[in-house]
């Protein structure tokens, strides 16, 4: 598969997506087991597809199995197959997913939902590359590559006794984190335009956005990620085939974005919004954590519930789109001038810049009452980058 076709599978030009595609290209040509991490709706199955199609196994099967959708008593049969008469209802022999994916790739989605007793058998299959069908004592050798995916924090599951630590390390050979859509700056519009071609009604041109509508979709959080955006585009394509989509045509923001607005209003009124704990550096982020993090990171912004349900476009953006300037009394406060530095006697520029950086980080953390996600937005940094700088400089985060 050429790089251009990988871009067609994983659309987006952001730095995060470029890094993701690079990791896929690095691991695809190996036989390493891959663990794909990310929130629900980010496209983890597309990552598995990209890995398979770039690999030397691409002419063989890519076999998917959703571990959260298989009844516990049928799990072993689904994975390893069964012989005729192995259990009630087994009227014929059946090949399992491992055998179907022999010399190909087995994609195990929602691996964190796999029952504990099956995890033991899964570990043996990975270690020995041998399986046994249910009702048979014959061992079958398989050469199956495993790509697993989860939106859960497996370390937390291990601590709760819900996931085997030895299986985790067997799966976590090459972890790939799929970033949420809200961290893929600039990709929302690119994805929107890509999806409009897919969902265009027969005989109609793809829908397109006005300037107002374009700004609006860029401002939304898309907590359901690419899946939410895809449903959004399909709905608009059905309702307004071939039309230019104005701000008024856009559906209201989702219920979770409404919760964001409510959290923001409460924080603005009482200034006591609790802080969501930050995960340790390098820790996998579960969908539940990401949702809570989004709620609290947005709680310090100042927009009302009504705005969240209609438009996230700010007054400044609205004026800019209309070609007007805001009145002087509504313009943002001017940036304070930096103190002048006398370099005539010489200075350590690196140390001086570090002091400025530390001071800015401390001010942002103090202003956001220790909420790292909100402070990162204030500084124009990614949350993970700010966490690294806090650790690097040993900055104390206000409680």
Protein backbone atom coordinates (compact mmCIF):
# COMPACT_ATOMS: atom_id res chain seq x y z
CA UNK A 1 0.00 0.00 0.00
CA UNK A 2 1.35 3.42 -0.90
CA UNK A 3 1.46 6.21 1.62
CA UNK A 4 -1.28 8.04 -0.27
CA UNK A 5 -3.68 5.13 0.25
CA UNK A 6 -2.83 5.06 3.97
CA UNK A 7 -3.82 8.74 4.04
CA UNK A 8 -7.13 7.74 2.50
CA UNK A 9 -7.75 5.31 5.36
CA UNK A 10 -6.62 7.70 8.10
CA UNK A 11 -7.60 11.18 6.93
CA UNK A 12 -5.98 14.23 8.50
CA UNK A 13 -2.93 16.46 8.10
CA UNK A 14 -2.38 17.35 11.75
CA UNK A 15 0.93 16.56 13.42
CA UNK A 16 -0.82 13.93 15.54
CA UNK A 17 -2.09 12.08 12.46
CA UNK A 18 1.26 12.30 10.71
CA UNK A 19 2.88 10.73 13.76
CA UNK A 20 0.19 8.01 13.83
CA UNK A 21 0.75 7.10 10.18
CA UNK A 22 4.50 7.03 10.75
CA UNK A 23 4.11 4.55 13.62
CA UNK A 24 1.88 2.33 11.47
CA UNK A 25 4.48 2.32 8.70
CA UNK A 26 7.23 1.46 11.19
CA UNK A 27 5.48 -1.56 12.71
CA UNK A 28 3.49 -2.88 9.73
CA UNK A 29 6.38 -4.72 8.09
CA UNK A 30 7.22 -6.59 11.29
CA UNK A 31 5.30 -9.42 12.97
CA UNK A 32 5.07 -7.55 16.29
CA UNK A 33 1.85 -7.64 18.28
CA UNK A 34 0.24 -4.19 18.38
CA UNK A 35 -1.99 -2.69 21.10
CA UNK A 36 -4.10 0.19 19.77
CA UNK A 37 -5.28 2.60 22.46
CA UNK A 38 -7.79 5.41 22.20
CA UNK A 39 -11.24 6.69 22.99
CA UNK A 40 -14.34 5.20 21.43
CA UNK A 41 -14.93 6.43 17.89
CA UNK A 42 -11.33 7.46 17.12
CA UNK A 43 -10.83 4.85 14.38
CA UNK A 44 -8.88 2.06 16.06
CA UNK A 45 -10.17 -0.52 13.56
CA UNK A 46 -8.89 1.70 10.72
CA UNK A 47 -5.44 1.59 12.34
CA UNK A 48 -5.62 -2.23 12.37
CA UNK A 49 -6.64 -2.18 8.71
CA UNK A 50 -3.74 0.12 7.84
CA UNK A 51 -1.25 -2.15 9.66
CA UNK A 52 -2.60 -5.23 7.85
CA UNK A 53 -2.63 -3.70 4.37
CA UNK A 54 0.90 -2.35 4.73
CA UNK A 55 2.21 -5.70 5.96
CA UNK A 56 3.44 -8.73 4.02
CA UNK A 57 0.24 -10.45 5.21
CA UNK A 58 -2.01 -8.15 3.18
CA UNK A 59 -3.00 -10.89 0.70
CA UNK A 60 -4.37 -12.99 3.56
CA UNK A 61 -7.38 -12.36 5.82
CA UNK A 62 -7.90 -9.49 8.25
CA UNK A 63 -10.32 -11.09 10.72
CA UNK A 64 -12.09 -8.83 13.26
CA UNK A 65 -13.59 -9.97 16.57
CA UNK A 66 -15.33 -7.64 19.02
CA UNK A 67 -14.57 -9.15 22.44
CA UNK A 68 -17.39 -7.16 24.02
CA UNK A 69 -20.04 -8.67 21.74
CA UNK A 70 -19.38 -12.39 22.30
CA UNK A 71 -21.27 -14.30 25.00
CA UNK A 72 -18.88 -15.77 27.57
CA UNK A 73 -19.86 -19.40 26.88
CA UNK A 74 -19.23 -18.98 23.13
CA UNK A 75 -15.93 -17.14 23.38
CA UNK A 76 -13.63 -20.16 23.12
CA UNK A 77 -15.52 -21.52 20.13
CA UNK A 78 -15.37 -18.15 18.36
CA UNK A 79 -11.61 -17.87 18.85
CA UNK A 80 -10.47 -21.46 18.39
CA UNK A 81 -13.36 -23.18 16.62
CA UNK A 82 -15.06 -26.46 17.62
CA UNK A 83 -15.60 -30.02 16.47
CA UNK A 84 -18.95 -31.59 15.64
CA UNK A 85 -20.77 -32.64 18.83
CA UNK A 86 -18.42 -30.67 21.11
CA UNK A 87 -21.45 -29.14 22.83
CA UNK A 88 -25.21 -28.90 22.41
CA UNK A 89 -25.93 -27.28 19.07
CA UNK A 90 -22.53 -28.06 17.52
CA UNK A 91 -24.01 -29.92 14.52
CA UNK A 92 -20.88 -29.43 12.42
CA UNK A 93 -17.21 -28.60 12.83
CA UNK A 94 -16.39 -24.91 12.75
CA UNK A 95 -13.16 -23.02 12.09
CA UNK A 96 -12.36 -20.32 14.67
CA UNK A 97 -11.07 -16.79 14.14
CA UNK A 98 -7.45 -17.80 14.83
CA UNK A 99 -7.49 -20.31 11.97
CA UNK A 100 -9.33 -17.92 9.65
CA UNK A 101 -6.54 -15.39 10.26
CA UNK A 102 -3.71 -17.91 9.77
CA UNK A 103 -0.87 -16.10 7.93
CA UNK A 104 -3.00 -12.98 8.23
CA UNK A 105 -4.11 -10.62 11.01
CA UNK A 106 -6.59 -11.11 13.86
CA UNK A 107 -8.03 -7.83 15.15
CA UNK A 108 -9.32 -8.17 18.72
CA UNK A 109 -11.39 -5.09 19.46
CA UNK A 110 -12.33 -4.24 23.06
CA UNK A 111 -9.71 -6.69 24.35
CA UNK A 112 -10.34 -5.44 27.89
CA UNK A 113 -13.74 -7.18 27.80
CA UNK A 114 -12.25 -10.65 27.33
CA UNK A 115 -13.23 -13.02 30.20
CA UNK A 116 -10.41 -13.96 32.60
CA UNK A 117 -10.59 -17.69 31.83
CA UNK A 118 -10.21 -16.94 28.11
CA UNK A 119 -7.25 -14.68 28.81
CA UNK A 120 -5.27 -17.71 30.02
CA UNK A 121 -5.98 -19.60 26.79
CA UNK A 122 -5.27 -16.51 24.73
CA UNK A 123 -1.88 -16.15 26.42
CA UNK A 124 -0.99 -19.76 25.55
CA UNK A 125 -2.01 -19.25 21.92
CA UNK A 126 0.19 -16.17 21.69
CA UNK A 127 3.18 -17.79 23.37
CA UNK A 128 3.12 -21.17 21.65
CA UNK A 129 1.32 -20.26 18.40
CA UNK A 130 -0.80 -23.35 18.91
CA UNK A 131 -4.58 -23.69 19.40
CA UNK A 132 -7.03 -26.51 20.04
CA UNK A 133 -10.61 -26.56 18.81
CA UNK A 134 -13.28 -27.12 21.46
CA UNK A 135 -13.93 -30.88 21.69
CA UNK A 136 -10.61 -31.83 20.12
CA UNK A 137 -7.30 -32.82 21.64
CA UNK A 138 -5.40 -32.09 18.45
CA UNK A 139 -3.06 -29.10 18.44
CA UNK A 140 -3.12 -26.82 15.40
CA UNK A 141 -0.19 -24.54 14.60
CA UNK A 142 -1.16 -21.03 13.55
CA UNK A 143 0.85 -18.07 12.29
CA UNK A 144 -1.55 -15.29 13.23
CA UNK A 145 -0.59 -11.70 13.90
CA UNK A 146 -2.53 -10.03 16.70
CA UNK A 147 -3.65 -6.42 16.69
CA UNK A 148 -5.68 -5.67 19.84
CA UNK A 149 -7.55 -2.49 20.72
CA UNK A 150 -9.15 -0.98 23.81
CA UNK A 151 -10.64 2.26 25.08
CA UNK A 152 -10.04 1.16 28.67
CA UNK A 153 -6.99 1.72 30.87
CA UNK A 154 -5.71 -1.85 31.11
CA UNK A 155 -3.37 -0.97 34.00
CA UNK A 156 -6.45 -0.06 36.02
CA UNK A 157 -8.11 -3.33 34.99
CA UNK A 158 -5.00 -5.21 36.12
CA UNK A 159 -5.11 -3.49 39.50
CA UNK A 160 -8.77 -4.52 39.86
CA UNK A 161 -8.00 -8.12 38.94
CA UNK A 162 -10.00 -7.89 35.71
CA UNK A 163 -7.10 -8.33 33.28
CA UNK A 164 -4.01 -10.54 33.43
CA UNK A 165 -0.74 -8.66 33.71
CA UNK A 166 1.18 -11.32 31.74
CA UNK A 167 -1.28 -11.06 28.84
CA UNK A 168 -1.04 -7.27 28.93
CA UNK A 169 2.74 -7.37 28.47
CA UNK A 170 2.37 -9.96 25.72
CA UNK A 171 -0.04 -7.65 23.85
CA UNK A 172 1.72 -4.35 24.61
CA UNK A 173 4.75 -4.98 22.39
CA UNK A 174 4.11 -1.94 20.21
CA UNK A 175 1.45 0.41 21.64
CA UNK A 176 -0.16 2.97 19.34
CA UNK A 177 -2.30 5.77 20.75
CA UNK A 178 -5.00 7.12 18.44
CA UNK A 179 -5.57 10.80 19.37
CA UNK A 180 -9.09 12.10 19.99
CA UNK A 181 -10.48 14.41 17.33
CA UNK A 182 -10.31 17.46 19.65
CA UNK A 183 -6.50 17.07 19.74
CA UNK A 184 -6.16 16.87 15.95
CA UNK A 185 -6.00 20.58 15.16
CA UNK A 186 -7.35 21.39 11.72
CA UNK A 187 -8.52 17.84 10.93
CA UNK A 188 -12.22 18.42 11.61
CA UNK A 189 -12.87 20.40 8.42
CA UNK A 190 -10.67 18.09 6.34
CA UNK A 191 -12.56 15.06 7.66
CA UNK A 192 -15.90 16.81 7.11
CA UNK A 193 -15.07 17.45 3.44
CA UNK A 194 -13.86 13.85 3.02
CA UNK A 195 -17.04 12.42 4.55
CA UNK A 196 -19.35 14.60 2.44
CA UNK A 197 -18.18 12.73 -0.67
CA UNK A 198 -18.98 9.40 0.96
CA UNK A 199 -22.47 10.42 2.05
CA UNK A 200 -23.51 12.50 -0.96
CA UNK A 201 -26.97 11.43 -2.12
CA UNK A 202 -27.13 9.78 -5.53
CA UNK A 203 -27.14 12.39 -8.27
CA UNK A 204 -26.33 15.22 -5.84
CA UNK A 205 -23.12 17.16 -5.20
CA UNK A 206 -21.55 16.83 -1.73
CA UNK A 207 -22.79 19.32 0.84
CA UNK A 208 -20.50 22.26 1.69
CA UNK A 209 -20.13 24.66 4.61
CA UNK A 210 -20.50 28.43 4.85
CA UNK A 211 -17.84 30.35 6.77
CA UNK A 212 -20.00 30.55 9.89
CA UNK A 213 -20.75 26.83 9.84
CA UNK A 214 -17.09 25.99 9.27
CA UNK A 215 -16.02 27.97 12.34
CA UNK A 216 -18.79 26.34 14.36
CA UNK A 217 -17.76 22.74 13.67
CA UNK A 218 -14.14 23.64 14.43
CA UNK A 219 -15.21 24.98 17.84
CA UNK A 220 -17.16 21.91 18.91
CA UNK A 221 -15.46 19.27 21.04
CA UNK A 222 -16.59 16.12 19.16
CA UNK A 223 -16.49 13.98 22.27
CA UNK A 224 -17.76 11.05 20.15
CA UNK A 225 -14.75 11.60 17.88
CA UNK A 226 -14.76 10.59 14.19
CA UNK A 227 -17.84 8.39 14.66
CA UNK A 228 -19.83 11.38 15.91
CA UNK A 229 -18.60 13.58 13.06
CA UNK A 230 -19.45 10.86 10.52
CA UNK A 231 -23.02 10.59 11.82
CA UNK A 232 -23.24 14.40 11.78
CA UNK A 233 -22.21 14.61 8.11
CA UNK A 234 -24.53 11.77 7.09
CA UNK A 235 -27.49 13.47 8.81
CA UNK A 236 -26.81 16.77 7.04
CA UNK A 237 -26.34 15.02 3.69
CA UNK A 238 -29.75 13.36 4.05
CA UNK A 239 -31.56 16.51 5.17
CA UNK A 240 -29.93 19.01 2.81
CA UNK A 241 -28.62 17.06 -0.23
CA UNK A 242 -26.27 19.10 -2.39
CA UNK A 243 -26.87 22.30 -0.42
CA UNK A 244 -24.60 24.83 1.23
CA UNK A 245 -24.91 24.31 4.99
CA UNK A 246 -25.44 27.48 6.99
CA UNK A 247 -25.01 27.93 10.73
CA UNK A 248 -28.78 27.69 11.23
CA UNK A 249 -28.90 24.29 9.51
CA UNK A 250 -26.43 22.66 11.90
CA UNK A 251 -27.95 20.34 14.49
CA UNK A 252 -27.62 21.47 18.10
CA UNK A 253 -24.55 20.39 20.01
CA UNK A 254 -24.76 16.95 21.62
CA UNK A 255 -25.84 16.25 25.17
CA UNK A 256 -22.28 15.91 26.40
CA UNK A 257 -21.40 19.33 25.04
CA UNK A 258 -24.44 20.59 26.93
CA UNK A 259 -22.93 19.09 30.08
CA UNK A 260 -19.76 21.02 29.29
CA UNK A 261 -21.75 24.23 29.22
CA UNK A 262 -23.51 23.39 32.49
CA UNK A 263 -20.18 22.63 34.15
CA UNK A 264 -18.84 25.92 32.83
CA UNK A 265 -21.79 27.86 34.20
CA UNK A 266 -21.44 26.27 37.63
CA UNK A 267 -17.72 27.00 37.71
CA UNK A 268 -18.34 30.61 36.70
CA UNK A 269 -20.94 31.09 39.44
CA UNK A 270 -19.38 29.32 42.42
CA UNK A 271 -15.78 28.86 41.27
CA UNK A 272 -15.62 25.47 42.96
CA UNK A 273 -15.56 23.06 40.05
CA UNK A 274 -13.63 19.93 41.18
CA UNK A 275 -10.51 19.02 39.28
CA UNK A 276 -10.35 15.79 37.33
CA UNK A 277 -7.17 13.90 38.26
CA UNK A 278 -4.50 13.77 35.59
CA UNK A 279 -3.14 10.36 34.61
CA UNK A 280 0.53 9.58 35.13
CA UNK A 281 2.84 10.34 32.22
CA UNK A 282 2.55 7.63 29.58
CA UNK A 283 -0.58 6.16 31.14
CA UNK A 284 -3.24 4.98 28.70
CA UNK A 285 -6.30 7.22 28.72
CA UNK A 286 -9.65 5.47 28.95
CA UNK A 287 -12.79 6.79 27.27
CA UNK A 288 -14.28 7.48 30.71
CA UNK A 289 -11.27 9.54 31.80
CA UNK A 290 -11.15 11.44 28.52
CA UNK A 291 -14.82 12.35 28.87
CA UNK A 292 -14.35 13.62 32.43
CA UNK A 293 -11.16 15.42 31.42
CA UNK A 294 -13.00 17.18 28.60
CA UNK A 295 -15.79 18.24 30.97
CA UNK A 296 -13.38 19.77 33.46
CA UNK A 297 -10.95 21.25 30.95
CA UNK A 298 -13.80 23.17 29.36
CA UNK A 299 -15.41 24.14 32.66
CA UNK A 300 -13.30 27.28 32.93
CA UNK A 301 -14.37 28.70 29.56
CA UNK A 302 -17.12 31.31 29.62
CA UNK A 303 -20.06 30.32 27.45
CA UNK A 304 -23.68 29.75 28.44
CA UNK A 305 -25.83 26.66 28.03
CA UNK A 306 -27.80 28.37 25.27
CA UNK A 307 -24.61 29.01 23.31
CA UNK A 308 -23.56 25.40 23.58
CA UNK A 309 -26.88 24.30 22.09
CA UNK A 310 -26.77 26.67 19.16
CA UNK A 311 -23.35 28.03 18.28
CA UNK A 312 -19.88 27.93 19.75
CA UNK A 313 -18.75 30.85 17.59
CA UNK A 314 -17.36 33.71 19.64
CA UNK A 315 -18.30 37.36 19.16
CA UNK A 316 -14.83 38.09 17.80
CA UNK A 317 -15.10 35.32 15.19
CA UNK A 318 -18.61 36.39 14.27
CA UNK A 319 -17.42 39.95 13.66
CA UNK A 320 -14.41 38.74 11.71
CA UNK A 321 -16.57 36.61 9.45
CA UNK A 322 -18.78 39.64 8.75
CA UNK A 323 -15.76 41.77 7.97
CA UNK A 324 -16.29 44.07 10.95
CA UNK A 325 -14.20 44.93 13.96
CA UNK A 326 -15.43 44.66 17.51
CA UNK A 327 -16.01 47.90 19.44
CA UNK A 328 -13.00 48.92 21.45
CA UNK A 329 -14.71 48.12 24.77
CA UNK A 330 -15.29 44.49 23.69
CA UNK A 331 -11.84 43.79 22.29
CA UNK A 332 -9.66 41.36 24.22
CA UNK A 333 -7.24 42.81 26.73
CA UNK A 334 -3.91 43.71 25.23
CA UNK A 335 -0.99 41.42 25.98
CA UNK A 336 1.20 42.90 28.73
CA UNK A 337 4.63 43.94 27.57
CA UNK A 338 7.54 41.74 28.60
CA UNK A 339 10.11 43.42 30.86
CA UNK A 340 13.14 44.70 29.01
CA UNK A 341 16.38 42.83 29.56
CA UNK A 342 19.80 44.48 29.70
CA UNK A 343 22.19 42.19 27.85
CA UNK A 344 25.14 44.61 27.87
CA UNK A 345 26.75 42.66 30.74
CA UNK A 346 25.86 39.32 29.19
CA UNK A 347 23.11 36.86 30.21
CA UNK A 348 22.47 33.14 30.11
CA UNK A 349 19.72 33.22 27.49
CA UNK A 350 18.71 29.60 27.98
CA UNK A 351 18.30 30.06 31.73
CA UNK A 352 16.44 33.35 31.23
CA UNK A 353 13.98 31.76 28.80
CA UNK A 354 13.45 28.83 31.16
CA UNK A 355 12.57 31.24 33.97
CA UNK A 356 10.02 32.95 31.72
CA UNK A 357 8.56 29.58 30.75
CA UNK A 358 8.32 28.42 34.37
CA UNK A 359 6.70 31.72 35.39
CA UNK A 360 4.09 31.45 32.60
CA UNK A 361 3.28 27.84 33.52
CA UNK A 362 2.95 28.70 37.21
CA UNK A 363 0.67 31.65 36.40
CA UNK A 364 -1.53 29.46 34.15
CA UNK A 365 -1.80 26.71 36.77
CA UNK A 366 -2.59 29.25 39.48
CA UNK A 367 -5.21 30.95 37.31
CA UNK A 368 -6.86 27.61 36.48
CA UNK A 369 -6.64 26.35 40.08
CA UNK A 370 -4.41 23.42 39.19
CA UNK A 371 -6.48 22.12 36.27
CA UNK A 372 -3.67 21.02 33.94
CA UNK A 373 -5.90 20.57 30.89
CA UNK A 374 -7.30 24.10 31.20
CA UNK A 375 -3.84 25.58 31.84
CA UNK A 376 -2.53 23.82 28.72
CA UNK A 377 -5.29 25.43 26.62
CA UNK A 378 -4.40 28.82 28.11
CA UNK A 379 -0.76 28.34 27.10
CA UNK A 380 -1.55 26.91 23.67
CA UNK A 381 0.05 23.58 24.56
CA UNK A 382 -1.11 19.99 24.42
CA UNK A 383 -1.94 18.61 27.86
CA UNK A 384 0.74 15.90 27.62
CA UNK A 385 3.36 18.53 26.68
CA UNK A 386 2.47 20.64 29.72
CA UNK A 387 2.69 17.57 32.00
CA UNK A 388 6.20 16.90 30.67
CA UNK A 389 7.25 20.50 31.35
CA UNK A 390 5.78 20.40 34.88
CA UNK A 391 7.84 17.29 35.61
CA UNK A 392 10.93 18.69 33.90
CA UNK A 393 10.97 21.86 35.98
CA UNK A 394 9.54 20.32 39.16
CA UNK A 395 6.63 22.77 39.24
CA UNK A 396 4.13 22.29 42.05
CA UNK A 397 0.54 22.04 40.81
CA UNK A 398 -1.88 23.99 43.07
CA UNK A 399 -4.45 21.82 44.83
